[in-house]
Protein backbone atom coordinates (compact mmCIF):
# COMPACT_ATOMS: atom_id res chain seq x y z
CA PHE A 1 -66.17 -16.43 -34.72
CA LYS A 2 -64.15 -15.16 -31.97
CA GLY A 3 -60.71 -15.33 -30.47
CA LYS A 4 -58.99 -18.43 -31.71
CA GLU A 5 -61.38 -19.19 -34.60
CA LEU A 6 -60.51 -15.89 -36.35
CA ASN A 7 -57.69 -16.94 -38.57
CA LEU A 8 -59.74 -19.77 -40.03
CA VAL A 9 -62.64 -17.46 -40.62
CA PHE A 10 -60.01 -15.29 -42.68
CA GLY A 11 -58.57 -18.55 -44.59
CA LEU A 12 -62.20 -19.64 -45.58
CA LEU A 13 -63.47 -15.85 -46.30
CA LEU A 14 -60.13 -15.54 -48.74
CA SER A 15 -60.63 -19.09 -49.77
CA VAL A 16 -64.19 -18.02 -51.13
CA SER A 17 -62.79 -15.12 -53.23
CA ARG A 18 -59.87 -17.17 -54.55
CA LEU A 19 -62.40 -19.76 -56.10
CA GLY A 20 -64.35 -16.98 -57.53
CA SER A 21 -61.48 -15.52 -59.35
CA THR A 22 -60.46 -18.98 -60.55
CA LEU A 23 -63.69 -19.80 -61.71
CA GLY A 24 -63.80 -16.72 -63.73
CA MET A 25 -60.45 -17.33 -65.08
CA VAL A 26 -61.08 -20.39 -66.27
CA THR A 27 -64.58 -20.28 -67.46
CA LEU A 28 -64.98 -16.67 -69.16
CA GLY A 29 -62.89 -17.54 -72.15
CA PRO A 30 -64.17 -20.78 -73.03
CA PHE A 31 -67.88 -19.30 -72.77
CA PHE A 32 -66.40 -16.17 -75.10
CA ARG A 33 -64.94 -18.78 -77.78
CA LYS A 34 -68.48 -20.69 -77.52
CA MET A 35 -70.45 -17.48 -78.22
CA VAL A 36 -67.91 -16.78 -80.96
CA ASP A 37 -68.35 -19.95 -82.63
CA SER A 38 -72.17 -19.88 -81.81
CA ALA A 39 -72.46 -17.24 -84.90
CA PHE A 40 -72.37 -14.33 -82.22
CA SER A 41 -70.02 -11.38 -83.38
CA ARG A 42 -67.03 -10.83 -80.98
CA PHE A 43 -68.55 -7.78 -79.67
CA THR A 44 -71.68 -9.46 -78.63
CA ALA A 45 -69.94 -12.13 -77.26
CA LEU A 46 -67.94 -9.67 -74.86
CA GLY A 47 -71.14 -8.12 -73.97
CA PHE A 48 -72.28 -11.28 -72.89
CA CYS A 49 -69.09 -12.22 -70.82
CA LEU A 50 -69.22 -8.80 -69.06
CA ASP A 51 -73.03 -9.07 -68.23
CA LEU A 52 -72.40 -12.47 -66.84
CA GLY A 53 -69.85 -10.72 -64.52
CA LEU A 54 -71.86 -7.88 -63.83
CA VAL A 55 -74.53 -10.76 -62.55
CA MET A 56 -72.06 -12.58 -60.58
CA CYS A 57 -71.05 -9.11 -59.05
CA ILE A 58 -74.67 -8.20 -58.36
CA LEU A 59 -75.19 -11.75 -56.56
CA SER A 60 -71.98 -11.49 -54.41
CA LEU A 61 -73.48 -7.84 -53.46
CA LEU A 62 -76.56 -9.57 -52.51
CA GLY A 63 -74.84 -12.41 -50.57
CA ALA A 64 -72.85 -9.78 -48.63
CA VAL A 65 -75.79 -7.69 -47.59
CA VAL A 66 -77.91 -10.65 -46.25
CA LEU A 67 -74.97 -11.99 -44.51
CA GLY A 68 -74.71 -8.71 -42.79
CA LEU A 69 -78.19 -8.58 -41.95
CA LEU A 70 -77.97 -12.03 -40.39
CA ASP A 71 -74.99 -11.07 -38.44
CA LYS A 72 -77.02 -7.91 -37.19
CA ARG A 73 -79.87 -10.21 -36.36
CA ALA A 74 -77.42 -12.53 -34.48
CA GLU A 75 -75.77 -9.79 -32.32
CA LYS A 76 -79.24 -8.85 -31.33
CA LEU A 77 -80.18 -12.48 -30.67
CA ILE A 78 -77.15 -13.33 -28.52
CA ASP A 79 -76.32 -10.08 -26.89
CA GLY A 80 -79.75 -9.08 -26.32
CA ARG A 81 -78.24 -5.36 -27.32
CA ASN A 82 -76.31 -3.88 -29.44
CA VAL A 83 -72.58 -2.71 -28.35
CA LYS A 84 -72.06 1.02 -28.85
CA THR A 85 -68.55 2.86 -28.33
CA ASP A 86 -68.85 6.86 -26.88
CA GLU A 87 -65.08 7.13 -28.81
CA PRO A 88 -65.87 8.11 -32.50
CA ILE A 89 -63.13 6.68 -34.64
CA LYS A 90 -60.87 9.35 -36.18
CA LEU A 91 -58.15 9.30 -39.14
CA ARG A 92 -55.51 10.43 -36.82
CA ASP A 93 -56.12 6.72 -35.09
CA ILE A 94 -53.92 5.07 -37.76
CA LEU A 95 -51.01 6.93 -36.13
CA HIS A 96 -51.35 4.93 -33.05
CA PHE A 97 -51.18 1.31 -34.62
CA PRO A 98 -48.35 -0.80 -33.42
CA LEU A 99 -45.26 -1.49 -35.47
CA ALA A 100 -46.57 -5.34 -35.98
CA LEU A 101 -49.43 -4.13 -37.64
CA TRP A 102 -47.63 -1.79 -39.78
CA VAL A 103 -45.36 -4.55 -40.90
CA ILE A 104 -48.11 -6.61 -41.65
CA PHE A 105 -49.72 -4.05 -44.30
CA PHE A 106 -46.22 -3.52 -46.05
CA ILE A 107 -45.90 -7.45 -46.60
CA CYS A 108 -49.64 -7.61 -47.83
CA MET A 109 -48.78 -4.27 -49.91
CA PHE A 110 -45.85 -6.07 -51.38
CA TYR A 111 -46.93 -9.21 -51.88
CA TYR A 112 -50.24 -8.05 -53.97
CA VAL A 113 -47.76 -5.43 -55.80
CA THR A 114 -45.74 -8.42 -57.18
CA VAL A 115 -48.44 -11.05 -57.66
CA PHE A 116 -51.24 -8.96 -59.45
CA PRO A 117 -49.13 -7.88 -62.32
CA PHE A 118 -47.92 -11.43 -63.00
CA ILE A 119 -51.59 -12.57 -62.80
CA SER A 120 -52.79 -9.69 -65.22
CA LEU A 121 -49.54 -10.52 -67.83
CA GLY A 122 -49.82 -14.34 -67.06
CA LEU A 123 -52.05 -15.39 -70.10
CA VAL A 124 -49.68 -13.70 -72.65
CA PHE A 125 -46.79 -15.08 -70.90
CA PHE A 126 -47.88 -18.60 -70.82
CA GLN A 127 -48.82 -18.42 -74.36
CA GLN A 128 -45.73 -16.59 -75.96
CA LYS A 129 -43.02 -18.29 -73.79
CA TYR A 130 -44.24 -21.89 -73.53
CA GLY A 131 -46.55 -21.94 -76.44
CA ALA A 132 -49.84 -22.75 -74.38
CA THR A 133 -53.13 -22.58 -75.57
CA SER A 134 -55.51 -20.27 -74.32
CA VAL A 135 -57.33 -22.50 -72.17
CA LEU A 136 -54.22 -24.25 -70.70
CA ALA A 137 -52.82 -20.73 -70.21
CA SER A 138 -55.79 -19.63 -68.25
CA THR A 139 -55.99 -22.69 -66.04
CA THR A 140 -52.04 -22.63 -65.30
CA ASN A 141 -52.54 -18.60 -64.47
CA SER A 142 -55.73 -19.61 -62.04
CA MET A 143 -53.32 -21.92 -60.39
CA VAL A 144 -51.94 -19.42 -57.77
CA TYR A 145 -55.71 -18.58 -56.76
CA LEU A 146 -56.60 -22.55 -56.75
CA VAL A 147 -53.40 -23.01 -54.55
CA SER A 148 -54.42 -20.05 -52.20
CA ALA A 149 -58.01 -21.14 -52.06
CA VAL A 150 -56.95 -24.69 -50.90
CA ALA A 151 -53.95 -23.34 -48.44
CA SER A 152 -55.74 -20.30 -46.79
CA PRO A 153 -58.28 -22.36 -44.50
CA VAL A 154 -55.39 -24.83 -43.64
CA CYS A 155 -53.03 -22.16 -42.72
CA GLY A 156 -55.69 -20.39 -40.59
CA LEU A 157 -56.50 -23.71 -38.80
CA VAL A 158 -52.81 -24.13 -37.94
CA ILE A 159 -52.33 -20.37 -36.68
CA ASP A 160 -55.36 -20.77 -34.55
CA LYS A 161 -54.13 -24.26 -33.20
CA THR A 162 -50.63 -22.84 -32.67
CA GLY A 163 -51.48 -19.54 -31.45
CA LEU A 164 -48.25 -18.43 -33.21
CA SER A 165 -49.52 -15.70 -35.62
CA VAL A 166 -46.44 -13.27 -36.09
CA PHE A 167 -44.03 -16.50 -36.23
CA TRP A 168 -46.52 -17.82 -39.31
CA VAL A 169 -46.29 -14.20 -40.81
CA ILE A 170 -42.53 -14.10 -40.56
CA ILE A 171 -42.41 -17.81 -41.97
CA GLY A 172 -44.76 -16.53 -44.79
CA THR A 173 -42.75 -13.61 -45.82
């Protein structure tokens, strides 16, 4: 993926990670309750849930390593050579980033600073404020990620087609 397809690729990448988050939010609670109902202690059930999360993280890491190796192989096959730069990257280089990039950094930071606390407290909020069951609360809480999983590739495609990246960043804020 190069040039005009890059926003779509980032949207797809974000979509896959959001689907994983949604899957974790929706399935781990019922999995825990099912284990407790099957005569496991709460601590043993929690251990199994954490082990399941660990297995998923390991599978994700292995997938990333495989994709990295495939990407390196594709570079060699397509280019026939590795592109090397003579100029080393230094931490001081961040001082030369353009203002537009810093604005994007701060927009992302402020977005995540506001969304993540709500996600972490959302289950309790939906249960106490609206009397939702734990299943309904986790499903409702995961909707932020589910909508993002669907909208991110679509928005990436629209940005790629229109070519107005800065315009869409401003509209998105």
